Amino acid sequence: MGSKNVGKGLRALVIVDDPATEMVHKMLLKKYGLDAQVAKNGEEAVVLHRFGARFDLLLMNKEMPVKDGFNATRELRQMGVKSMIVGITSHGPGVVRDEFIAAGLDEKWFCA
C-alpha cells in the first residue's frame, strides 16, 4: 500500500482561521488519502459535533477567534469526542503549550 492510501476512508476536520494554513493542511491530508473538511474556529468544530458530525482526526489550531483551540478541545472531550486531536501552534515549550496539551490533545504538532 502506497503512502497515498494510508488514510483512505478516514475523515479529518481542519480547524484553523488562516487560509494559507488551511490549504497546507488540506493538501497534506489529501496526499495521504484523507477526506478533509474545514471549520474556521473552535465553535464551528463543537457545533459540527453537536449535530452528529464525526471525524477520525482533528487538526486544532491554538489561536482562533470565537473559541480557541484550548477551549474547543476541552469542550469536545467533555462531550465525549474520542477522535484523535492534534494541536497546531507556534508556541514552544511552556505554560501555553502545556495547557493546550492538558485540554485533551493526543498529539502536538507545532508550526513556526
PDB file of N, CA and C in Angstrom:
ATOM      1  N   MET A   1       0.845  -1.166   0.000  1.00  0.00           N
ATOM      2  CA  MET A   1       0.000   0.000   0.000  1.00  0.00           C
ATOM      3  C   MET A   1       0.894   1.235   0.000  1.00  0.00           C
ATOM      4  N   GLY A   2       0.677   2.172  -0.930  1.00  0.00           N
ATOM      5  CA  GLY A   2       1.459   3.391  -1.008  1.00  0.00           C
ATOM      6  C   GLY A   2       1.011   4.404   0.023  1.00  0.00           C
ATOM      7  N   SER A   3       1.841   5.412   0.250  1.00  0.00           N
ATOM      8  CA  SER A   3       1.520   6.433   1.242  1.00  0.00           C
ATOM      9  C   SER A   3       0.246   7.179   0.897  1.00  0.00           C
ATOM     10  N   LYS A   4      -0.111   7.235  -0.374  1.00  0.00           N
ATOM     11  CA  LYS A   4      -1.313   7.961  -0.775  1.00  0.00           C
ATOM     12  C   LYS A   4      -2.588   7.287  -0.292  1.00  0.00           C
ATOM     13  N   ASN A   5      -2.529   6.042   0.139  1.00  0.00           N
ATOM     14  CA  ASN A   5      -3.720   5.332   0.583  1.00  0.00           C
ATOM     15  C   ASN A   5      -3.775   5.117   2.092  1.00  0.00           C
ATOM     16  N   VAL A   6      -2.808   5.629   2.814  1.00  0.00           N
ATOM     17  CA  VAL A   6      -2.736   5.408   4.262  1.00  0.00           C
ATOM     18  C   VAL A   6      -4.030   5.822   4.962  1.00  0.00           C
ATOM     19  N   GLY A   7      -4.586   6.943   4.579  1.00  0.00           N
ATOM     20  CA  GLY A   7      -5.772   7.449   5.257  1.00  0.00           C
ATOM     21  C   GLY A   7      -7.066   7.245   4.499  1.00  0.00           C
ATOM     22  N   LYS A   8      -7.054   6.406   3.484  1.00  0.00           N
ATOM     23  CA  LYS A   8      -8.252   6.208   2.661  1.00  0.00           C
ATOM     24  C   LYS A   8      -9.434   5.809   3.532  1.00  0.00           C
ATOM     25  N   GLY A   9     -10.527   6.523   3.366  1.00  0.00           N
ATOM     26  CA  GLY A   9     -11.730   6.247   4.135  1.00  0.00           C
ATOM     27  C   GLY A   9     -11.795   6.981   5.463  1.00  0.00           C
ATOM     28  N   LEU A  10     -10.726   7.666   5.847  1.00  0.00           N
ATOM     29  CA  LEU A  10     -10.722   8.415   7.097  1.00  0.00           C
ATOM     30  C   LEU A  10     -11.146   9.857   6.849  1.00  0.00           C
ATOM     31  N   ARG A  11     -11.805  10.449   7.835  1.00  0.00           N
ATOM     32  CA  ARG A  11     -12.278  11.832   7.735  1.00  0.00           C
ATOM     33  C   ARG A  11     -11.515  12.702   8.725  1.00  0.00           C
ATOM     34  N   ALA A  12     -11.125  13.884   8.253  1.00  0.00           N
ATOM     35  CA  ALA A  12     -10.402  14.826   9.100  1.00  0.00           C
ATOM     36  C   ALA A  12     -11.126  16.160   9.113  1.00  0.00           C
ATOM     37  N   LEU A  13     -11.005  16.856  10.230  1.00  0.00           N
ATOM     38  CA  LEU A  13     -11.515  18.208  10.358  1.00  0.00           C
ATOM     39  C   LEU A  13     -10.330  19.116  10.635  1.00  0.00           C
ATOM     40  N   VAL A  14     -10.103  20.086   9.743  1.00  0.00           N
ATOM     41  CA  VAL A  14      -9.032  21.067   9.900  1.00  0.00           C
ATOM     42  C   VAL A  14      -9.673  22.305  10.514  1.00  0.00           C
ATOM     43  N   ILE A  15      -9.216  22.672  11.711  1.00  0.00           N
ATOM     44  CA  ILE A  15      -9.834  23.778  12.443  1.00  0.00           C
ATOM     45  C   ILE A  15      -8.813  24.900  12.545  1.00  0.00           C
ATOM     46  N   VAL A  16      -8.900  25.825  11.597  1.00  0.00           N
ATOM     47  CA  VAL A  16      -7.964  26.954  11.503  1.00  0.00           C
ATOM     48  C   VAL A  16      -8.694  28.172  10.963  1.00  0.00           C
ATOM     49  N   ASP A  17      -8.163  29.344  11.274  1.00  0.00           N
ATOM     50  CA  ASP A  17      -8.764  30.576  10.776  1.00  0.00           C
ATOM     51  C   ASP A  17      -7.896  31.267   9.728  1.00  0.00           C
ATOM     52  N   ASP A  18      -6.811  30.643   9.328  1.00  0.00           N
ATOM     53  CA  ASP A  18      -5.889  31.217   8.354  1.00  0.00           C
ATOM     54  C   ASP A  18      -5.963  30.422   7.048  1.00  0.00           C
ATOM     55  N   PRO A  19      -6.323  31.070   5.930  1.00  0.00           N
ATOM     56  CA  PRO A  19      -6.468  30.352   4.662  1.00  0.00           C
ATOM     57  C   PRO A  19      -5.200  29.634   4.192  1.00  0.00           C
ATOM     58  N   ALA A  20      -4.034  30.226   4.400  1.00  0.00           N
ATOM     59  CA  ALA A  20      -2.792  29.580   3.967  1.00  0.00           C
ATOM     60  C   ALA A  20      -2.532  28.307   4.761  1.00  0.00           C
ATOM     61  N   THR A  21      -2.718  28.376   6.071  1.00  0.00           N
ATOM     62  CA  THR A  21      -2.530  27.204   6.926  1.00  0.00           C
ATOM     63  C   THR A  21      -3.553  26.128   6.566  1.00  0.00           C
ATOM     64  N   GLU A  22      -4.783  26.539   6.316  1.00  0.00           N
ATOM     65  CA  GLU A  22      -5.834  25.607   5.898  1.00  0.00           C
ATOM     66  C   GLU A  22      -5.420  24.862   4.636  1.00  0.00           C
ATOM     67  N   MET A  23      -4.932  25.598   3.651  1.00  0.00           N
ATOM     68  CA  MET A  23      -4.544  24.999   2.379  1.00  0.00           C
ATOM     69  C   MET A  23      -3.420  23.974   2.558  1.00  0.00           C
ATOM     70  N   VAL A  24      -2.418  24.317   3.354  1.00  0.00           N
ATOM     71  CA  VAL A  24      -1.286  23.409   3.584  1.00  0.00           C
ATOM     72  C   VAL A  24      -1.760  22.111   4.230  1.00  0.00           C
ATOM     73  N   HIS A  25      -2.562  22.222   5.269  1.00  0.00           N
ATOM     74  CA  HIS A  25      -3.019  21.024   5.979  1.00  0.00           C
ATOM     75  C   HIS A  25      -3.954  20.182   5.118  1.00  0.00           C
ATOM     76  N   LYS A  26      -4.832  20.812   4.354  1.00  0.00           N
ATOM     77  CA  LYS A  26      -5.720  20.057   3.477  1.00  0.00           C
ATOM     78  C   LYS A  26      -4.921  19.311   2.410  1.00  0.00           C
ATOM     79  N   MET A  27      -3.884  19.963   1.863  1.00  0.00           N
ATOM     80  CA  MET A  27      -3.048  19.300   0.855  1.00  0.00           C
ATOM     81  C   MET A  27      -2.329  18.084   1.441  1.00  0.00           C
ATOM     82  N   LEU A  28      -1.795  18.233   2.654  1.00  0.00           N
ATOM     83  CA  LEU A  28      -1.109  17.108   3.294  1.00  0.00           C
ATOM     84  C   LEU A  28      -2.071  15.953   3.562  1.00  0.00           C
ATOM     85  N   LEU A  29      -3.240  16.263   4.056  1.00  0.00           N
ATOM     86  CA  LEU A  29      -4.223  15.218   4.335  1.00  0.00           C
ATOM     87  C   LEU A  29      -4.657  14.519   3.053  1.00  0.00           C
ATOM     88  N   LYS A  30      -4.905  15.295   2.012  1.00  0.00           N
ATOM     89  CA  LYS A  30      -5.310  14.719   0.728  1.00  0.00           C
ATOM     90  C   LYS A  30      -4.220  13.806   0.168  1.00  0.00           C
ATOM     91  N   LYS A  31      -2.962  14.213   0.353  1.00  0.00           N
ATOM     92  CA  LYS A  31      -1.833  13.410  -0.126  1.00  0.00           C
ATOM     93  C   LYS A  31      -1.883  11.989   0.444  1.00  0.00           C
ATOM     94  N   TYR A  32      -2.358  11.871   1.674  1.00  0.00           N
ATOM     95  CA  TYR A  32      -2.420  10.566   2.323  1.00  0.00           C
ATOM     96  C   TYR A  32      -3.805   9.935   2.264  1.00  0.00           C
ATOM     97  N   GLY A  33      -4.674  10.499   1.459  1.00  0.00           N
ATOM     98  CA  GLY A  33      -5.964   9.877   1.197  1.00  0.00           C
ATOM     99  C   GLY A  33      -7.093  10.234   2.137  1.00  0.00           C
ATOM    100  N   LEU A  34      -6.884  11.177   3.051  1.00  0.00           N
ATOM    101  CA  LEU A  34      -7.948  11.558   3.974  1.00  0.00           C
ATOM    102  C   LEU A  34      -8.887  12.569   3.333  1.00  0.00           C
ATOM    103  N   ASP A  35     -10.154  12.449   3.650  1.00  0.00           N
ATOM    104  CA  ASP A  35     -11.164  13.413   3.242  1.00  0.00           C
ATOM    105  C   ASP A  35     -11.184  14.499   4.302  1.00  0.00           C
ATOM    106  N   ALA A  36     -10.942  15.766   3.902  1.00  0.00           N
ATOM    107  CA  ALA A  36     -10.830  16.853   4.878  1.00  0.00           C
ATOM    108  C   ALA A  36     -11.955  17.866   4.740  1.00  0.00           C
ATOM    109  N   GLN A  37     -12.492  18.255   5.883  1.00  0.00           N
ATOM    110  CA  GLN A  37     -13.485  19.317   5.985  1.00  0.00           C
ATOM    111  C   GLN A  37     -12.839  20.415   6.831  1.00  0.00           C
ATOM    112  N   VAL A  38     -13.360  21.654   6.735  1.00  0.00           N
ATOM    113  CA  VAL A  38     -12.763  22.776   7.449  1.00  0.00           C
ATOM    114  C   VAL A  38     -13.780  23.436   8.367  1.00  0.00           C
ATOM    115  N   ALA A  39     -13.308  23.828   9.554  1.00  0.00           N
ATOM    116  CA  ALA A  39     -14.051  24.688  10.468  1.00  0.00           C
ATOM    117  C   ALA A  39     -13.176  25.913  10.709  1.00  0.00           C
ATOM    118  N   LYS A  40     -13.762  27.098  10.694  1.00  0.00           N
ATOM    119  CA  LYS A  40     -12.995  28.346  10.800  1.00  0.00           C
ATOM    120  C   LYS A  40     -12.619  28.718  12.236  1.00  0.00           C
ATOM    121  N   ASN A  41     -13.193  28.023  13.212  1.00  0.00           N
ATOM    122  CA  ASN A  41     -12.852  28.276  14.616  1.00  0.00           C
ATOM    123  C   ASN A  41     -13.345  27.123  15.467  1.00  0.00           C
ATOM    124  N   GLY A  42     -12.981  27.151  16.734  1.00  0.00           N
ATOM    125  CA  GLY A  42     -13.340  26.067  17.633  1.00  0.00           C
ATOM    126  C   GLY A  42     -14.832  25.904  17.839  1.00  0.00           C
ATOM    127  N   GLU A  43     -15.569  27.008  17.816  1.00  0.00           N
ATOM    128  CA  GLU A  43     -17.016  26.928  17.996  1.00  0.00           C
ATOM    129  C   GLU A  43     -17.658  26.159  16.845  1.00  0.00           C
ATOM    130  N   GLU A  44     -17.205  26.399  15.613  1.00  0.00           N
ATOM    131  CA  GLU A  44     -17.734  25.642  14.470  1.00  0.00           C
ATOM    132  C   GLU A  44     -17.465  24.145  14.639  1.00  0.00           C
ATOM    133  N   ALA A  45     -16.303  23.804  15.143  1.00  0.00           N
ATOM    134  CA  ALA A  45     -15.965  22.393  15.363  1.00  0.00           C
ATOM    135  C   ALA A  45     -16.887  21.765  16.400  1.00  0.00           C
ATOM    136  N   VAL A  46     -17.146  22.477  17.476  1.00  0.00           N
ATOM    137  CA  VAL A  46     -18.030  21.976  18.532  1.00  0.00           C
ATOM    138  C   VAL A  46     -19.447  21.798  17.988  1.00  0.00           C
ATOM    139  N   VAL A  47     -19.932  22.788  17.250  1.00  0.00           N
ATOM    140  CA  VAL A  47     -21.288  22.714  16.699  1.00  0.00           C
ATOM    141  C   VAL A  47     -21.415  21.546  15.726  1.00  0.00           C
ATOM    142  N   LEU A  48     -20.425  21.339  14.871  1.00  0.00           N
ATOM    143  CA  LEU A  48     -20.465  20.199  13.950  1.00  0.00           C
ATOM    144  C   LEU A  48     -20.652  18.892  14.724  1.00  0.00           C
ATOM    145  N   HIS A  49     -19.917  18.734  15.809  1.00  0.00           N
ATOM    146  CA  HIS A  49     -20.026  17.505  16.612  1.00  0.00           C
ATOM    147  C   HIS A  49     -21.374  17.415  17.331  1.00  0.00           C
ATOM    148  N   ARG A  50     -21.884  18.540  17.802  1.00  0.00           N
ATOM    149  CA  ARG A  50     -23.204  18.529  18.453  1.00  0.00           C
ATOM    150  C   ARG A  50     -24.290  18.040  17.499  1.00  0.00           C
ATOM    151  N   PHE A  51     -24.122  18.358  16.205  1.00  0.00           N
ATOM    152  CA  PHE A  51     -25.112  17.956  15.209  1.00  0.00           C
ATOM    153  C   PHE A  51     -24.791  16.612  14.570  1.00  0.00           C
ATOM    154  N   GLY A  52     -23.869  15.862  15.166  1.00  0.00           N
ATOM    155  CA  GLY A  52     -23.641  14.486  14.757  1.00  0.00           C
ATOM    156  C   GLY A  52     -22.477  14.220  13.823  1.00  0.00           C
ATOM    157  N   ALA A  53     -21.742  15.244  13.419  1.00  0.00           N
ATOM    158  CA  ALA A  53     -20.580  15.005  12.554  1.00  0.00           C
ATOM    159  C   ALA A  53     -19.537  14.218  13.333  1.00  0.00           C
ATOM    160  N   ARG A  54     -18.845  13.335  12.640  1.00  0.00           N
ATOM    161  CA  ARG A  54     -17.794  12.528  13.266  1.00  0.00           C
ATOM    162  C   ARG A  54     -16.568  12.525  12.363  1.00  0.00           C
ATOM    163  N   PHE A  55     -15.409  12.641  12.981  1.00  0.00           N
ATOM    164  CA  PHE A  55     -14.142  12.676  12.266  1.00  0.00           C
ATOM    165  C   PHE A  55     -13.162  11.748  12.964  1.00  0.00           C
ATOM    166  N   ASP A  56     -12.236  11.205  12.190  1.00  0.00           N
ATOM    167  CA  ASP A  56     -11.201  10.343  12.752  1.00  0.00           C
ATOM    168  C   ASP A  56     -10.049  11.165  13.318  1.00  0.00           C
ATOM    169  N   LEU A  57      -9.844  12.351  12.749  1.00  0.00           N
ATOM    170  CA  LEU A  57      -8.718  13.212  13.109  1.00  0.00           C
ATOM    171  C   LEU A  57      -9.166  14.655  13.103  1.00  0.00           C
ATOM    172  N   LEU A  58      -8.767  15.407  14.126  1.00  0.00           N
ATOM    173  CA  LEU A  58      -8.997  16.846  14.167  1.00  0.00           C
ATOM    174  C   LEU A  58      -7.646  17.531  14.272  1.00  0.00           C
ATOM    175  N   LEU A  59      -7.363  18.454  13.355  1.00  0.00           N
ATOM    176  CA  LEU A  59      -6.172  19.305  13.444  1.00  0.00           C
ATOM    177  C   LEU A  59      -6.649  20.631  14.010  1.00  0.00           C
ATOM    178  N   MET A  60      -6.279  20.913  15.253  1.00  0.00           N
ATOM    179  CA  MET A  60      -6.831  22.040  16.006  1.00  0.00           C
ATOM    180  C   MET A  60      -5.795  23.137  16.204  1.00  0.00           C
ATOM    181  N   ASN A  61      -6.059  24.316  15.612  1.00  0.00           N
ATOM    182  CA  ASN A  61      -5.204  25.475  15.835  1.00  0.00           C
ATOM    183  C   ASN A  61      -5.416  25.989  17.260  1.00  0.00           C
ATOM    184  N   LYS A  62      -4.393  26.521  17.867  1.00  0.00           N
ATOM    185  CA  LYS A  62      -4.497  27.045  19.226  1.00  0.00           C
ATOM    186  C   LYS A  62      -5.162  28.415  19.254  1.00  0.00           C
ATOM    187  N   GLU A  63      -4.683  29.335  18.399  1.00  0.00           N
ATOM    188  CA  GLU A  63      -5.187  30.699  18.408  1.00  0.00           C
ATOM    189  C   GLU A  63      -6.216  30.903  17.307  1.00  0.00           C
ATOM    190  N   MET A  64      -7.476  31.131  17.710  1.00  0.00           N
ATOM    191  CA  MET A  64      -8.563  31.387  16.761  1.00  0.00           C
ATOM    192  C   MET A  64      -9.580  32.311  17.416  1.00  0.00           C
ATOM    193  N   PRO A  65     -10.348  33.042  16.599  1.00  0.00           N
ATOM    194  CA  PRO A  65     -11.424  33.861  17.158  1.00  0.00           C
ATOM    195  C   PRO A  65     -12.604  32.987  17.586  1.00  0.00           C
ATOM    196  N   VAL A  66     -13.518  33.560  18.279  1.00  0.00           N
ATOM    197  CA  VAL A  66     -14.768  32.951  18.747  1.00  0.00           C
ATOM    198  C   VAL A  66     -14.501  31.916  19.841  1.00  0.00           C
ATOM    199  N   LYS A  67     -13.831  30.829  19.523  1.00  0.00           N
ATOM    200  CA  LYS A  67     -13.447  29.835  20.526  1.00  0.00           C
ATOM    201  C   LYS A  67     -12.093  29.278  20.115  1.00  0.00           C
ATOM    202  N   ASP A  68     -11.102  29.448  20.991  1.00  0.00           N
ATOM    203  CA  ASP A  68      -9.750  28.997  20.656  1.00  0.00           C
ATOM    204  C   ASP A  68      -9.631  27.478  20.769  1.00  0.00           C
ATOM    205  N   GLY A  69      -8.489  26.972  20.323  1.00  0.00           N
ATOM    206  CA  GLY A  69      -8.266  25.532  20.309  1.00  0.00           C
ATOM    207  C   GLY A  69      -8.269  24.893  21.679  1.00  0.00           C
ATOM    208  N   PHE A  70      -7.740  25.602  22.671  1.00  0.00           N
ATOM    209  CA  PHE A  70      -7.726  25.082  24.038  1.00  0.00           C
ATOM    210  C   PHE A  70      -9.152  24.818  24.523  1.00  0.00           C
ATOM    211  N   ASN A  71     -10.017  25.832  24.426  1.00  0.00           N
ATOM    212  CA  ASN A  71     -11.387  25.692  24.920  1.00  0.00           C
ATOM    213  C   ASN A  71     -12.211  24.723  24.073  1.00  0.00           C
ATOM    214  N   ALA A  72     -11.994  24.727  22.760  1.00  0.00           N
ATOM    215  CA  ALA A  72     -12.717  23.800  21.894  1.00  0.00           C
ATOM    216  C   ALA A  72     -12.318  22.356  22.194  1.00  0.00           C
ATOM    217  N   THR A  73     -11.013  22.114  22.364  1.00  0.00           N
ATOM    218  CA  THR A  73     -10.547  20.761  22.677  1.00  0.00           C
ATOM    219  C   THR A  73     -11.143  20.277  23.991  1.00  0.00           C
ATOM    220  N   ARG A  74     -11.087  21.127  25.000  1.00  0.00           N
ATOM    221  CA  ARG A  74     -11.647  20.771  26.309  1.00  0.00           C
ATOM    222  C   ARG A  74     -13.141  20.463  26.198  1.00  0.00           C
ATOM    223  N   GLU A  75     -13.886  21.292  25.468  1.00  0.00           N
ATOM    224  CA  GLU A  75     -15.325  21.074  25.331  1.00  0.00           C
ATOM    225  C   GLU A  75     -15.635  19.793  24.543  1.00  0.00           C
ATOM    226  N   LEU A  76     -14.883  19.548  23.489  1.00  0.00           N
ATOM    227  CA  LEU A  76     -15.090  18.321  22.714  1.00  0.00           C
ATOM    228  C   LEU A  76     -14.839  17.083  23.571  1.00  0.00           C
ATOM    229  N   ARG A  77     -13.802  17.107  24.379  1.00  0.00           N
ATOM    230  CA  ARG A  77     -13.522  15.964  25.262  1.00  0.00           C
ATOM    231  C   ARG A  77     -14.639  15.798  26.290  1.00  0.00           C
ATOM    232  N   GLN A  78     -15.160  16.914  26.823  1.00  0.00           N
ATOM    233  CA  GLN A  78     -16.254  16.838  27.792  1.00  0.00           C
ATOM    234  C   GLN A  78     -17.519  16.277  27.149  1.00  0.00           C
ATOM    235  N   MET A  79     -17.665  16.486  25.831  1.00  0.00           N
ATOM    236  CA  MET A  79     -18.808  15.954  25.089  1.00  0.00           C
ATOM    237  C   MET A  79     -18.629  14.470  24.773  1.00  0.00           C
ATOM    238  N   GLY A  80     -17.454  13.925  25.068  1.00  0.00           N
ATOM    239  CA  GLY A  80     -17.197  12.523  24.814  1.00  0.00           C
ATOM    240  C   GLY A  80     -16.553  12.226  23.475  1.00  0.00           C
ATOM    241  N   VAL A  81     -16.063  13.243  22.780  1.00  0.00           N
ATOM    242  CA  VAL A  81     -15.411  13.033  21.483  1.00  0.00           C
ATOM    243  C   VAL A  81     -14.104  12.280  21.706  1.00  0.00           C
ATOM    244  N   LYS A  82     -13.962  11.144  21.040  1.00  0.00           N
ATOM    245  CA  LYS A  82     -12.793  10.277  21.196  1.00  0.00           C
ATOM    246  C   LYS A  82     -11.808  10.392  20.033  1.00  0.00           C
ATOM    247  N   SER A  83     -12.134  11.176  19.014  1.00  0.00           N
ATOM    248  CA  SER A  83     -11.268  11.344  17.846  1.00  0.00           C
ATOM    249  C   SER A  83      -9.885  11.805  18.266  1.00  0.00           C
ATOM    250  N   MET A  84      -8.882  11.468  17.445  1.00  0.00           N
ATOM    251  CA  MET A  84      -7.536  11.980  17.694  1.00  0.00           C
ATOM    252  C   MET A  84      -7.538  13.482  17.422  1.00  0.00           C
ATOM    253  N   ILE A  85      -7.032  14.256  18.369  1.00  0.00           N
ATOM    254  CA  ILE A  85      -6.914  15.699  18.200  1.00  0.00           C
ATOM    255  C   ILE A  85      -5.437  16.065  18.248  1.00  0.00           C
ATOM    256  N   VAL A  86      -4.977  16.673  17.156  1.00  0.00           N
ATOM    257  CA  VAL A  86      -3.589  17.111  17.038  1.00  0.00           C
ATOM    258  C   VAL A  86      -3.586  18.624  17.108  1.00  0.00           C
ATOM    259  N   GLY A  87      -2.807  19.177  18.026  1.00  0.00           N
ATOM    260  CA  GLY A  87      -2.737  20.618  18.201  1.00  0.00           C
ATOM    261  C   GLY A  87      -1.754  21.273  17.261  1.00  0.00           C
ATOM    262  N   ILE A  88      -2.151  22.424  16.737  1.00  0.00           N
ATOM    263  CA  ILE A  88      -1.302  23.211  15.853  1.00  0.00           C
ATOM    264  C   ILE A  88      -1.063  24.557  16.531  1.00  0.00           C
ATOM    265  N   THR A  89       0.202  24.850  16.851  1.00  0.00           N
ATOM    266  CA  THR A  89       0.528  26.128  17.476  1.00  0.00           C
ATOM    267  C   THR A  89       1.991  26.460  17.238  1.00  0.00           C
ATOM    268  N   SER A  90       2.297  27.735  17.287  1.00  0.00           N
ATOM    269  CA  SER A  90       3.687  28.175  17.133  1.00  0.00           C
ATOM    270  C   SER A  90       4.379  28.304  18.484  1.00  0.00           C
ATOM    271  N   HIS A  91       3.653  28.070  19.568  1.00  0.00           N
ATOM    272  CA  HIS A  91       4.233  28.188  20.905  1.00  0.00           C
ATOM    273  C   HIS A  91       5.242  27.072  21.158  1.00  0.00           C
ATOM    274  N   GLY A  92       6.372  27.444  21.686  1.00  0.00           N
ATOM    275  CA  GLY A  92       7.372  26.470  22.089  1.00  0.00           C
ATOM    276  C   GLY A  92       7.026  25.929  23.461  1.00  0.00           C
ATOM    277  N   PRO A  93       7.953  25.203  24.076  1.00  0.00           N
ATOM    278  CA  PRO A  93       7.701  24.671  25.416  1.00  0.00           C
ATOM    279  C   PRO A  93       7.321  25.783  26.386  1.00  0.00           C
ATOM    280  N   GLY A  94       6.376  25.489  27.239  1.00  0.00           N
ATOM    281  CA  GLY A  94       5.964  26.474  28.231  1.00  0.00           C
ATOM    282  C   GLY A  94       4.524  26.289  28.634  1.00  0.00           C
ATOM    283  N   VAL A  95       4.029  27.245  29.409  1.00  0.00           N
ATOM    284  CA  VAL A  95       2.704  27.154  30.017  1.00  0.00           C
ATOM    285  C   VAL A  95       1.596  27.082  28.969  1.00  0.00           C
ATOM    286  N   VAL A  96       1.651  27.929  27.934  1.00  0.00           N
ATOM    287  CA  VAL A  96       0.589  27.946  26.933  1.00  0.00           C
ATOM    288  C   VAL A  96       0.474  26.591  26.249  1.00  0.00           C
ATOM    289  N   ARG A  97       1.589  26.057  25.817  1.00  0.00           N
ATOM    290  CA  ARG A  97       1.582  24.749  25.152  1.00  0.00           C
ATOM    291  C   ARG A  97       1.121  23.664  26.117  1.00  0.00           C
ATOM    292  N   ASP A  98       1.599  23.689  27.344  1.00  0.00           N
ATOM    293  CA  ASP A  98       1.225  22.675  28.328  1.00  0.00           C
ATOM    294  C   ASP A  98      -0.282  22.689  28.610  1.00  0.00           C
ATOM    295  N   GLU A  99      -0.878  23.899  28.668  1.00  0.00           N
ATOM    296  CA  GLU A  99      -2.318  23.992  28.893  1.00  0.00           C
ATOM    297  C   GLU A  99      -3.094  23.409  27.712  1.00  0.00           C
ATOM    298  N   PHE A 100      -2.609  23.649  26.514  1.00  0.00           N
ATOM    299  CA  PHE A 100      -3.256  23.113  25.319  1.00  0.00           C
ATOM    300  C   PHE A 100      -3.209  21.586  25.350  1.00  0.00           C
ATOM    301  N   ILE A 101      -2.084  21.048  25.699  1.00  0.00           N
ATOM    302  CA  ILE A 101      -1.934  19.589  25.800  1.00  0.00           C
ATOM    303  C   ILE A 101      -2.857  19.042  26.888  1.00  0.00           C
ATOM    304  N   ALA A 102      -2.909  19.720  28.022  1.00  0.00           N
ATOM    305  CA  ALA A 102      -3.744  19.275  29.133  1.00  0.00           C
ATOM    306  C   ALA A 102      -5.239  19.324  28.799  1.00  0.00           C
ATOM    307  N   ALA A 103      -5.616  20.113  27.806  1.00  0.00           N
ATOM    308  CA  ALA A 103      -7.031  20.217  27.421  1.00  0.00           C
ATOM    309  C   ALA A 103      -7.536  18.937  26.764  1.00  0.00           C
ATOM    310  N   GLY A 104      -6.614  18.071  26.315  1.00  0.00           N
ATOM    311  CA  GLY A 104      -7.050  16.796  25.757  1.00  0.00           C
ATOM    312  C   GLY A 104      -6.442  16.411  24.430  1.00  0.00           C
ATOM    313  N   LEU A 105      -5.344  17.032  24.045  1.00  0.00           N
ATOM    314  CA  LEU A 105      -4.704  16.654  22.784  1.00  0.00           C
ATOM    315  C   LEU A 105      -4.143  15.245  22.858  1.00  0.00           C
ATOM    316  N   ASP A 106      -4.158  14.562  21.712  1.00  0.00           N
ATOM    317  CA  ASP A 106      -3.481  13.277  21.594  1.00  0.00           C
ATOM    318  C   ASP A 106      -2.040  13.494  21.144  1.00  0.00           C
ATOM    319  N   GLU A 107      -1.848  14.484  20.314  1.00  0.00           N
ATOM    320  CA  GLU A 107      -0.538  14.800  19.770  1.00  0.00           C
ATOM    321  C   GLU A 107      -0.390  16.308  19.692  1.00  0.00           C
ATOM    322  N   LYS A 108       0.838  16.747  19.657  1.00  0.00           N
ATOM    323  CA  LYS A 108       1.106  18.160  19.461  1.00  0.00           C
ATOM    324  C   LYS A 108       1.907  18.317  18.178  1.00  0.00           C
ATOM    325  N   TRP A 109       1.497  19.243  17.340  1.00  0.00           N
ATOM    326  CA  TRP A 109       2.124  19.461  16.042  1.00  0.00           C
ATOM    327  C   TRP A 109       2.364  20.955  15.952  1.00  0.00           C
ATOM    328  N   PHE A 110       3.572  21.345  16.218  1.00  0.00           N
ATOM    329  CA  PHE A 110       3.860  22.763  16.348  1.00  0.00           C
ATOM    330  C   PHE A 110       4.469  23.314  15.093  1.00  0.00           C
ATOM    331  N   CYS A 111       3.921  24.411  14.632  1.00  0.00           N
ATOM    332  CA  CYS A 111       4.386  25.081  13.417  1.00  0.00           C
ATOM    333  C   CYS A 111       5.086  26.380  13.806  1.00  0.00           C
ATOM    334  N   ALA A 112       6.044  26.773  13.007  1.00  0.00           N
ATOM    335  CA  ALA A 112       6.730  28.033  13.251  1.00  0.00           C
ATOM    336  C   ALA A 112       5.957  29.178  12.654  1.00  0.00           C
TER     337      ALA A 112
END
